[in-house]
Amino acid sequence: MGVIYRVPTSDLVVVGTWTLSSGTLVYDMVDDPVGSPDESTTTATNAAVSNYVYFNFLRGIPTGITIDYVKVVCRAKSSASTNMWLVIDES
């Protein structure tokens, strides 16, 4: 069984004010290589539950590949008593 990993390739929609540890793109803060996360060296934070980000990912599955299952891994940290959501939009 083959495995295909996807990490964000760009910001699609950024709503609200985000504080980035470096750079200007939120996806650059969360596109850590699979298997070697940077353990919060790069971060994107916000102070409002109404803020959100949609990311672009590479699309397409190589010819001959059968999808057995999809696994989504999200690493997040909350510094306050706030809720965090992960929403997957497959459109």
C-alpha atoms as a PDB file:
ATOM      1  CA  MET A   1       0.000   0.000   0.000  1.00  0.00           C
ATOM      2  CA  GLY A   2       1.408   3.377  -0.962  1.00  0.00           C
ATOM      3  CA  VAL A   3       1.147   6.454   1.210  1.00  0.00           C
ATOM      4  CA  ILE A   4       0.724  10.009  -0.049  1.00  0.00           C
ATOM      5  CA  TYR A   5       1.333  12.890   2.347  1.00  0.00           C
ATOM      6  CA  ARG A   6      -0.025  16.373   1.778  1.00  0.00           C
ATOM      7  CA  VAL A   7       0.932  19.583   3.578  1.00  0.00           C
ATOM      8  CA  PRO A   8      -0.461  23.059   2.806  1.00  0.00           C
ATOM      9  CA  THR A   9       0.977  24.714  -0.309  1.00  0.00           C
ATOM     10  CA  SER A  10      -0.530  28.195   0.106  1.00  0.00           C
ATOM     11  CA  ASP A  11      -3.079  30.291   1.973  1.00  0.00           C
ATOM     12  CA  LEU A  12      -6.471  30.261   0.257  1.00  0.00           C
ATOM     13  CA  VAL A  13      -8.459  32.486   2.645  1.00  0.00           C
ATOM     14  CA  VAL A  14      -7.168  34.256   5.760  1.00  0.00           C
ATOM     15  CA  VAL A  15      -9.793  35.902   7.966  1.00  0.00           C
ATOM     16  CA  GLY A  16      -8.828  38.038  10.929  1.00  0.00           C
ATOM     17  CA  THR A  17      -5.482  39.099  12.299  1.00  0.00           C
ATOM     18  CA  TRP A  18      -2.825  36.413  12.719  1.00  0.00           C
ATOM     19  CA  THR A  19       0.514  36.848  14.449  1.00  0.00           C
ATOM     20  CA  LEU A  20       3.238  34.880  12.673  1.00  0.00           C
ATOM     21  CA  SER A  21       6.598  33.966  14.155  1.00  0.00           C
ATOM     22  CA  SER A  22       8.180  34.885  10.798  1.00  0.00           C
ATOM     23  CA  GLY A  23       7.193  35.657   7.233  1.00  0.00           C
ATOM     24  CA  THR A  24       3.807  36.764   5.925  1.00  0.00           C
ATOM     25  CA  LEU A  25       2.003  33.513   5.007  1.00  0.00           C
ATOM     26  CA  VAL A  26       0.143  31.410   7.562  1.00  0.00           C
ATOM     27  CA  TYR A  27       0.735  28.144   5.681  1.00  0.00           C
ATOM     28  CA  ASP A  28       4.514  28.631   6.047  1.00  0.00           C
ATOM     29  CA  MET A  29       3.996  28.296   9.804  1.00  0.00           C
ATOM     30  CA  VAL A  30       2.139  24.964   9.571  1.00  0.00           C
ATOM     31  CA  ASP A  31       3.701  23.103   6.630  1.00  0.00           C
ATOM     32  CA  ASP A  32       6.199  21.102   8.690  1.00  0.00           C
ATOM     33  CA  PRO A  33       7.679  18.070   6.951  1.00  0.00           C
ATOM     34  CA  VAL A  34       5.859  14.818   7.701  1.00  0.00           C
ATOM     35  CA  GLY A  35       7.599  12.993  10.529  1.00  0.00           C
ATOM     36  CA  SER A  36       9.694  15.957  11.653  1.00  0.00           C
ATOM     37  CA  PRO A  37       7.534  18.755  13.072  1.00  0.00           C
ATOM     38  CA  ASP A  38       9.420  21.868  14.169  1.00  0.00           C
ATOM     39  CA  GLU A  39       7.898  21.738  17.686  1.00  0.00           C
ATOM     40  CA  SER A  40       6.540  25.294  17.614  1.00  0.00           C
ATOM     41  CA  THR A  41       9.595  26.954  16.047  1.00  0.00           C
ATOM     42  CA  THR A  42       7.163  28.444  13.523  1.00  0.00           C
ATOM     43  CA  THR A  43       3.775  29.545  14.832  1.00  0.00           C
ATOM     44  CA  ALA A  44       0.569  31.277  13.765  1.00  0.00           C
ATOM     45  CA  THR A  45      -1.599  32.647  16.556  1.00  0.00           C
ATOM     46  CA  ASN A  46      -4.785  34.668  16.823  1.00  0.00           C
ATOM     47  CA  ALA A  47      -6.930  35.998  19.636  1.00  0.00           C
ATOM     48  CA  ALA A  48     -10.442  35.653  18.221  1.00  0.00           C
ATOM     49  CA  VAL A  49     -12.576  32.583  17.650  1.00  0.00           C
ATOM     50  CA  SER A  50     -13.963  34.276  14.531  1.00  0.00           C
ATOM     51  CA  ASN A  51     -10.542  34.112  12.819  1.00  0.00           C
ATOM     52  CA  TYR A  52      -9.845  31.230  10.466  1.00  0.00           C
ATOM     53  CA  VAL A  53      -7.633  30.099   7.593  1.00  0.00           C
ATOM     54  CA  TYR A  54      -8.334  27.906   4.572  1.00  0.00           C
ATOM     55  CA  PHE A  55      -5.271  26.285   3.021  1.00  0.00           C
ATOM     56  CA  ASN A  56      -4.614  24.957  -0.479  1.00  0.00           C
ATOM     57  CA  PHE A  57      -3.222  21.445  -0.867  1.00  0.00           C
ATOM     58  CA  LEU A  58      -1.896  19.668  -3.945  1.00  0.00           C
ATOM     59  CA  ARG A  59      -4.701  17.780  -5.608  1.00  0.00           C
ATOM     60  CA  GLY A  60      -4.692  14.612  -7.570  1.00  0.00           C
ATOM     61  CA  ILE A  61      -3.891  10.984  -6.997  1.00  0.00           C
ATOM     62  CA  PRO A  62      -1.362   9.203  -9.225  1.00  0.00           C
ATOM     63  CA  THR A  63      -2.781   6.775 -11.777  1.00  0.00           C
ATOM     64  CA  GLY A  64      -3.231   3.277 -10.398  1.00  0.00           C
ATOM     65  CA  ILE A  65      -3.520   4.325  -6.740  1.00  0.00           C
ATOM     66  CA  THR A  66      -6.537   3.109  -4.778  1.00  0.00           C
ATOM     67  CA  ILE A  67      -7.556   5.118  -1.715  1.00  0.00           C
ATOM     68  CA  ASP A  68      -8.084   2.759   1.225  1.00  0.00           C
ATOM     69  CA  TYR A  69      -8.560   5.508   3.814  1.00  0.00           C
ATOM     70  CA  VAL A  70      -7.771   9.144   4.583  1.00  0.00           C
ATOM     71  CA  LYS A  71      -6.056  10.192   7.804  1.00  0.00           C
ATOM     72  CA  VAL A  72      -5.892  13.840   8.835  1.00  0.00           C
ATOM     73  CA  VAL A  73      -3.346  14.845  11.474  1.00  0.00           C
ATOM     74  CA  CYS A  74      -3.499  18.254  13.080  1.00  0.00           C
ATOM     75  CA  ARG A  75      -1.146  19.452  15.804  1.00  0.00           C
ATOM     76  CA  ALA A  76      -2.387  22.467  17.707  1.00  0.00           C
ATOM     77  CA  LYS A  77      -1.845  24.151  21.012  1.00  0.00           C
ATOM     78  CA  SER A  78      -4.179  26.397  22.966  1.00  0.00           C
ATOM     79  CA  SER A  79      -2.698  29.016  25.263  1.00  0.00           C
ATOM     80  CA  ALA A  80      -6.040  30.033  26.757  1.00  0.00           C
ATOM     81  CA  SER A  81      -9.343  28.470  27.637  1.00  0.00           C
ATOM     82  CA  THR A  82     -10.607  28.710  24.074  1.00  0.00           C
ATOM     83  CA  ASN A  83     -11.963  26.131  21.679  1.00  0.00           C
ATOM     84  CA  MET A  84     -10.114  25.007  18.583  1.00  0.00           C
ATOM     85  CA  TRP A  85     -11.743  23.466  15.514  1.00  0.00           C
ATOM     86  CA  LEU A  86     -10.452  21.529  12.554  1.00  0.00           C
ATOM     87  CA  VAL A  87     -12.863  21.681   9.633  1.00  0.00           C
ATOM     88  CA  ILE A  88     -12.259  19.653   6.490  1.00  0.00           C
ATOM     89  CA  ASP A  89     -13.941  20.912   3.340  1.00  0.00           C
ATOM     90  CA  GLU A  90     -13.587  18.414   0.526  1.00  0.00           C
ATOM     91  CA  SER A  91     -14.972  20.676  -2.181  1.00  0.00           C
END
